[in-house]
Protein backbone atom coordinates (compact mmCIF):
# COMPACT_ATOMS: atom_id res chain seq x y z
CA UNK A 1 -38.98 27.20 21.01
CA UNK A 2 -40.16 23.66 21.43
CA UNK A 3 -42.17 22.08 24.09
CA UNK A 4 -40.40 19.16 25.57
CA UNK A 5 -42.37 15.77 25.39
CA UNK A 6 -42.05 13.33 27.82
CA UNK A 7 -41.76 9.48 27.13
CA UNK A 8 -45.79 9.63 28.22
CA UNK A 9 -46.72 12.43 26.02
CA UNK A 10 -45.22 10.41 23.04
CA UNK A 11 -47.02 7.47 23.83
CA UNK A 12 -50.26 9.48 23.96
CA UNK A 13 -49.77 11.09 20.53
CA UNK A 14 -48.88 7.83 19.09
CA UNK A 15 -51.87 6.40 20.50
CA UNK A 16 -54.08 9.21 19.33
CA UNK A 17 -52.34 9.13 15.78
CA UNK A 18 -53.04 5.34 15.25
CA UNK A 19 -56.84 5.89 16.52
CA UNK A 20 -57.33 8.93 14.10
CA UNK A 21 -55.88 6.42 11.38
CA UNK A 22 -58.20 3.84 11.89
CA UNK A 23 -61.55 5.53 12.84
CA UNK A 24 -61.25 9.72 11.72
CA UNK A 25 -60.30 8.86 7.90
CA UNK A 26 -60.79 11.31 5.32
CA UNK A 27 -63.92 9.90 4.23
CA UNK A 28 -65.41 9.81 7.61
CA UNK A 29 -64.73 13.56 8.32
CA UNK A 30 -65.82 14.62 4.46
CA UNK A 31 -69.02 13.17 5.37
CA UNK A 32 -69.49 14.63 8.37
CA UNK A 33 -68.89 17.92 7.27
CA UNK A 34 -71.17 17.47 3.82
CA UNK A 35 -73.91 15.93 6.06
CA UNK A 36 -77.40 17.61 6.16
CA UNK A 37 -77.43 17.66 9.73
CA UNK A 38 -74.80 17.14 12.98
CA UNK A 39 -74.85 14.08 14.71
CA UNK A 40 -72.65 12.15 17.01
CA UNK A 41 -70.04 10.19 15.01
CA UNK A 42 -69.84 6.47 15.11
CA UNK A 43 -66.36 6.59 16.70
CA UNK A 44 -67.59 8.87 19.39
CA UNK A 45 -67.86 5.79 21.95
CA UNK A 46 -64.25 4.68 21.16
CA UNK A 47 -62.94 8.26 21.77
CA UNK A 48 -64.56 7.61 25.46
CA UNK A 49 -63.04 4.56 25.68
CA UNK A 50 -59.58 6.06 25.65
CA UNK A 51 -60.52 8.87 27.91
CA UNK A 52 -59.85 11.61 25.04
CA UNK A 53 -63.03 13.44 26.16
CA UNK A 54 -61.54 14.24 29.23
CA UNK A 55 -58.27 15.16 28.62
CA UNK A 56 -58.85 18.71 29.69
CA UNK A 57 -59.93 17.65 33.30
CA UNK A 58 -58.02 17.17 36.22
CA UNK A 59 -57.25 13.67 37.11
CA UNK A 60 -59.08 14.15 40.61
CA UNK A 61 -62.48 14.55 38.52
CA UNK A 62 -62.18 11.05 37.07
């Protein structure tokens, strides 16, 4: 059974996919996995700008 996607869902998917292709490259992910200590990635700010850090929250909380 598949989940129906709206045009808005597809636009979000495409936007996130494009962002990941530019910022979360295999090299970046590999470096993060192999790092000696955990740090916030350089691309974190762009995630926030896109609003992706709050996708799990209802719109009324911002």
